[in-house]
Amino acid sequence: MLSLHDFKCLKDGMVFELFVEGAPPRTVECPCGGVAERVWLKAPGVVGDIAPYYDVQLGRQVNSRQERDAILKSKGLIAMAPEEFKRTENNHHAPGDNWDSTAFREAAEKAWSDTINGNIPLVEARPLPNDVSETKIGE
């Protein structure tokens, strides 16, 4: 039976998950070439009806914490602690009684129409101030 364990690289500090059959080793080779030590971030997961799972914060199904972390990283996000997520989920702010969905829809439709019909004037780019220099990304 496969089980899912967490490992942390001693060289670069990367934390990753690894499926292990039987007893998990104390150390494994990290993708960077270093040595990774087994850590206990949470109890090891048994592969079966547990994975894949639906992640409420992402609003989609994921196959592992490693995949979830990769999705978050690609979007420039970090995971919220479960307690913080529950607190914000329970204290959400819904529109009040003064919400006028008709006016909002009309404004959105007008903005979209202006955009696709080219009715929005172009704004001229301003030159950089003297104390700011132009640089290319990666320099």
C-alpha atoms as a PDB file:
ATOM      1  CA  MET A   1       0.000   0.000   0.000  1.00  0.00           C
ATOM      2  CA  LEU A   2       1.267   3.446  -0.913  1.00  0.00           C
ATOM      3  CA  SER A   3       1.370   6.245   1.629  1.00  0.00           C
ATOM      4  CA  LEU A   4       2.115   9.932   1.163  1.00  0.00           C
ATOM      5  CA  HIS A   5       4.955  11.464   3.223  1.00  0.00           C
ATOM      6  CA  ASP A   6       6.516  14.933   3.492  1.00  0.00           C
ATOM      7  CA  PHE A   7      10.237  15.513   2.991  1.00  0.00           C
ATOM      8  CA  LYS A   8      12.348  18.652   3.438  1.00  0.00           C
ATOM      9  CA  CYS A   9      15.594  19.218   1.554  1.00  0.00           C
ATOM     10  CA  LEU A  10      18.596  19.953   3.756  1.00  0.00           C
ATOM     11  CA  LYS A  11      20.293  21.809   0.894  1.00  0.00           C
ATOM     12  CA  ASP A  12      17.645  24.304  -0.295  1.00  0.00           C
ATOM     13  CA  GLY A  13      14.793  23.851   2.217  1.00  0.00           C
ATOM     14  CA  MET A  14      12.227  22.744  -0.384  1.00  0.00           C
ATOM     15  CA  VAL A  15       9.342  20.728   1.085  1.00  0.00           C
ATOM     16  CA  PHE A  16       7.745  18.101  -1.139  1.00  0.00           C
ATOM     17  CA  GLU A  17       5.544  15.027  -0.938  1.00  0.00           C
ATOM     18  CA  LEU A  18       6.513  11.540  -1.984  1.00  0.00           C
ATOM     19  CA  PHE A  19       4.489   8.349  -2.345  1.00  0.00           C
ATOM     20  CA  VAL A  20       6.226   5.520  -0.517  1.00  0.00           C
ATOM     21  CA  GLU A  21       5.447   1.810  -0.574  1.00  0.00           C
ATOM     22  CA  GLY A  22       5.998   0.080   2.748  1.00  0.00           C
ATOM     23  CA  ALA A  23       8.027   1.719   5.517  1.00  0.00           C
ATOM     24  CA  PRO A  24       9.148   5.246   4.562  1.00  0.00           C
ATOM     25  CA  PRO A  25      12.901   5.953   4.495  1.00  0.00           C
ATOM     26  CA  ARG A  26      14.345   8.660   6.776  1.00  0.00           C
ATOM     27  CA  THR A  27      16.082  10.350   3.825  1.00  0.00           C
ATOM     28  CA  VAL A  28      15.558  10.470   0.071  1.00  0.00           C
ATOM     29  CA  GLU A  29      17.200  12.275  -2.816  1.00  0.00           C
ATOM     30  CA  CYS A  30      15.736  15.740  -3.469  1.00  0.00           C
ATOM     31  CA  PRO A  31      14.987  16.852  -7.062  1.00  0.00           C
ATOM     32  CA  CYS A  32      17.773  19.457  -6.648  1.00  0.00           C
ATOM     33  CA  GLY A  33      20.270  16.661  -5.984  1.00  0.00           C
ATOM     34  CA  GLY A  34      20.517  17.260  -2.236  1.00  0.00           C
ATOM     35  CA  VAL A  35      19.380  15.035   0.610  1.00  0.00           C
ATOM     36  CA  ALA A  36      15.819  15.411   1.923  1.00  0.00           C
ATOM     37  CA  GLU A  37      14.793  14.337   5.409  1.00  0.00           C
ATOM     38  CA  ARG A  38      11.336  13.037   6.303  1.00  0.00           C
ATOM     39  CA  VAL A  39       9.283  15.621   8.247  1.00  0.00           C
ATOM     40  CA  TRP A  40       5.893  15.415   9.906  1.00  0.00           C
ATOM     41  CA  LEU A  41       3.793  18.305   8.617  1.00  0.00           C
ATOM     42  CA  LYS A  42       0.698  16.189   9.145  1.00  0.00           C
ATOM     43  CA  ALA A  43      -0.100  12.520   9.482  1.00  0.00           C
ATOM     44  CA  PRO A  44       0.875  10.528   6.375  1.00  0.00           C
ATOM     45  CA  GLY A  45      -1.999  10.094   3.958  1.00  0.00           C
ATOM     46  CA  VAL A  46      -2.945   6.717   2.577  1.00  0.00           C
ATOM     47  CA  VAL A  47      -3.631   6.718  -1.131  1.00  0.00           C
ATOM     48  CA  GLY A  48      -7.134   5.539  -1.820  1.00  0.00           C
ATOM     49  CA  ASP A  49     -10.508   7.194  -1.535  1.00  0.00           C
ATOM     50  CA  ILE A  50      -8.855  10.233   0.138  1.00  0.00           C
ATOM     51  CA  ALA A  51      -7.135  11.587  -2.989  1.00  0.00           C
ATOM     52  CA  PRO A  52      -7.954  13.474  -5.124  1.00  0.00           C
ATOM     53  CA  TYR A  53      -9.871  15.968  -3.021  1.00  0.00           C
ATOM     54  CA  TYR A  54     -11.779  19.196  -3.542  1.00  0.00           C
ATOM     55  CA  ASP A  55      -9.913  22.216  -2.186  1.00  0.00           C
ATOM     56  CA  VAL A  56     -12.436  24.799  -0.982  1.00  0.00           C
ATOM     57  CA  GLN A  57      -9.948  27.695  -1.039  1.00  0.00           C
ATOM     58  CA  LEU A  58      -8.965  27.040  -4.660  1.00  0.00           C
ATOM     59  CA  GLY A  59     -12.462  26.045  -5.701  1.00  0.00           C
ATOM     60  CA  ARG A  60     -11.221  23.038  -7.637  1.00  0.00           C
ATOM     61  CA  GLN A  61     -10.103  19.447  -7.312  1.00  0.00           C
ATOM     62  CA  VAL A  62      -6.424  18.744  -6.600  1.00  0.00           C
ATOM     63  CA  ASN A  63      -4.494  15.499  -6.362  1.00  0.00           C
ATOM     64  CA  SER A  64      -1.956  16.406  -3.666  1.00  0.00           C
ATOM     65  CA  ARG A  65      -0.691  19.217  -1.467  1.00  0.00           C
ATOM     66  CA  GLN A  66       2.248  19.521  -3.851  1.00  0.00           C
ATOM     67  CA  GLU A  67      -0.114  20.185  -6.765  1.00  0.00           C
ATOM     68  CA  ARG A  68      -2.109  22.646  -4.605  1.00  0.00           C
ATOM     69  CA  ASP A  69       1.093  24.513  -3.651  1.00  0.00           C
ATOM     70  CA  ALA A  70       2.164  24.656  -7.315  1.00  0.00           C
ATOM     71  CA  ILE A  71      -1.210  26.135  -8.328  1.00  0.00           C
ATOM     72  CA  LEU A  72      -1.021  28.724  -5.557  1.00  0.00           C
ATOM     73  CA  LYS A  73       2.568  29.624  -6.492  1.00  0.00           C
ATOM     74  CA  SER A  74       1.677  30.019 -10.176  1.00  0.00           C
ATOM     75  CA  LYS A  75      -1.009  32.529  -9.168  1.00  0.00           C
ATOM     76  CA  GLY A  76       1.250  34.356  -6.712  1.00  0.00           C
ATOM     77  CA  LEU A  77      -0.840  33.252  -3.734  1.00  0.00           C
ATOM     78  CA  ILE A  78      -0.191  31.566  -0.411  1.00  0.00           C
ATOM     79  CA  ALA A  79      -2.487  29.173   1.400  1.00  0.00           C
ATOM     80  CA  MET A  80      -4.520  30.476   4.301  1.00  0.00           C
ATOM     81  CA  ALA A  81      -4.496  28.550   7.559  1.00  0.00           C
ATOM     82  CA  PRO A  82      -7.763  26.595   7.964  1.00  0.00           C
ATOM     83  CA  GLU A  83      -8.745  28.698  10.987  1.00  0.00           C
ATOM     84  CA  GLU A  84      -8.255  31.959   9.070  1.00  0.00           C
ATOM     85  CA  PHE A  85     -10.166  30.634   6.063  1.00  0.00           C
ATOM     86  CA  LYS A  86     -13.116  29.573   8.244  1.00  0.00           C
ATOM     87  CA  ARG A  87     -13.109  32.940  10.015  1.00  0.00           C
ATOM     88  CA  THR A  88     -13.256  34.898   6.750  1.00  0.00           C
ATOM     89  CA  GLU A  89     -15.739  32.462   5.211  1.00  0.00           C
ATOM     90  CA  ASN A  90     -18.124  32.930   8.162  1.00  0.00           C
ATOM     91  CA  ASN A  91     -17.731  36.728   8.207  1.00  0.00           C
ATOM     92  CA  HIS A  92     -18.192  37.498   4.533  1.00  0.00           C
ATOM     93  CA  HIS A  93     -19.776  40.792   3.596  1.00  0.00           C
ATOM     94  CA  ALA A  94     -22.770  40.519   1.328  1.00  0.00           C
ATOM     95  CA  PRO A  95     -24.184  43.537  -0.504  1.00  0.00           C
ATOM     96  CA  GLY A  96     -26.516  45.546   1.719  1.00  0.00           C
ATOM     97  CA  ASP A  97     -30.115  46.563   1.138  1.00  0.00           C
ATOM     98  CA  ASN A  98     -28.994  49.463  -1.046  1.00  0.00           C
ATOM     99  CA  TRP A  99     -27.617  47.108  -3.725  1.00  0.00           C
ATOM    100  CA  ASP A 100     -29.132  47.980  -7.096  1.00  0.00           C
ATOM    101  CA  SER A 101     -28.339  45.110  -9.439  1.00  0.00           C
ATOM    102  CA  THR A 102     -30.195  46.763 -12.345  1.00  0.00           C
ATOM    103  CA  ALA A 103     -28.043  49.909 -12.211  1.00  0.00           C
ATOM    104  CA  PHE A 104     -24.904  47.796 -11.845  1.00  0.00           C
ATOM    105  CA  ARG A 105     -25.845  45.680 -14.874  1.00  0.00           C
ATOM    106  CA  GLU A 106     -26.584  48.787 -16.964  1.00  0.00           C
ATOM    107  CA  ALA A 107     -23.236  50.349 -16.031  1.00  0.00           C
ATOM    108  CA  ALA A 108     -21.368  47.098 -16.825  1.00  0.00           C
ATOM    109  CA  GLU A 109     -23.126  46.739 -20.190  1.00  0.00           C
ATOM    110  CA  LYS A 110     -22.349  50.383 -21.091  1.00  0.00           C
ATOM    111  CA  ALA A 111     -18.668  49.937 -20.136  1.00  0.00           C
ATOM    112  CA  TRP A 112     -18.449  46.750 -22.232  1.00  0.00           C
ATOM    113  CA  SER A 113     -20.163  48.433 -25.189  1.00  0.00           C
ATOM    114  CA  ASP A 114     -17.838  51.449 -24.979  1.00  0.00           C
ATOM    115  CA  THR A 115     -14.834  49.146 -24.837  1.00  0.00           C
ATOM    116  CA  ILE A 116     -15.686  46.963 -27.836  1.00  0.00           C
ATOM    117  CA  ASN A 117     -16.858  49.951 -29.932  1.00  0.00           C
ATOM    118  CA  GLY A 118     -13.716  51.969 -29.252  1.00  0.00           C
ATOM    119  CA  ASN A 119     -15.571  54.813 -27.513  1.00  0.00           C
ATOM    120  CA  ILE A 120     -12.949  55.102 -24.801  1.00  0.00           C
ATOM    121  CA  PRO A 121     -10.254  57.656 -25.733  1.00  0.00           C
ATOM    122  CA  LEU A 122      -6.660  56.500 -25.685  1.00  0.00           C
ATOM    123  CA  VAL A 123      -4.486  58.098 -23.047  1.00  0.00           C
ATOM    124  CA  GLU A 124      -1.111  59.406 -24.159  1.00  0.00           C
ATOM    125  CA  ALA A 125       1.829  57.863 -22.317  1.00  0.00           C
ATOM    126  CA  ARG A 126       3.679  60.358 -20.164  1.00  0.00           C
ATOM    127  CA  PRO A 127       7.480  60.478 -20.228  1.00  0.00           C
ATOM    128  CA  LEU A 128       9.375  59.106 -17.241  1.00  0.00           C
ATOM    129  CA  PRO A 129      10.420  61.652 -14.613  1.00  0.00           C
ATOM    130  CA  ASN A 130      14.104  62.653 -14.754  1.00  0.00           C
ATOM    131  CA  ASP A 131      14.958  60.710 -11.581  1.00  0.00           C
ATOM    132  CA  VAL A 132      13.588  57.404 -12.990  1.00  0.00           C
ATOM    133  CA  SER A 133      15.498  55.390 -15.556  1.00  0.00           C
ATOM    134  CA  GLU A 134      14.092  52.794 -17.913  1.00  0.00           C
ATOM    135  CA  THR A 135      15.345  49.243 -17.330  1.00  0.00           C
ATOM    136  CA  LYS A 136      14.512  45.959 -18.955  1.00  0.00           C
ATOM    137  CA  ILE A 137      13.308  43.032 -16.899  1.00  0.00           C
ATOM    138  CA  GLY A 138      16.125  40.656 -16.041  1.00  0.00           C
ATOM    139  CA  GLU A 139      18.904  43.245 -16.011  1.00  0.00           C
END
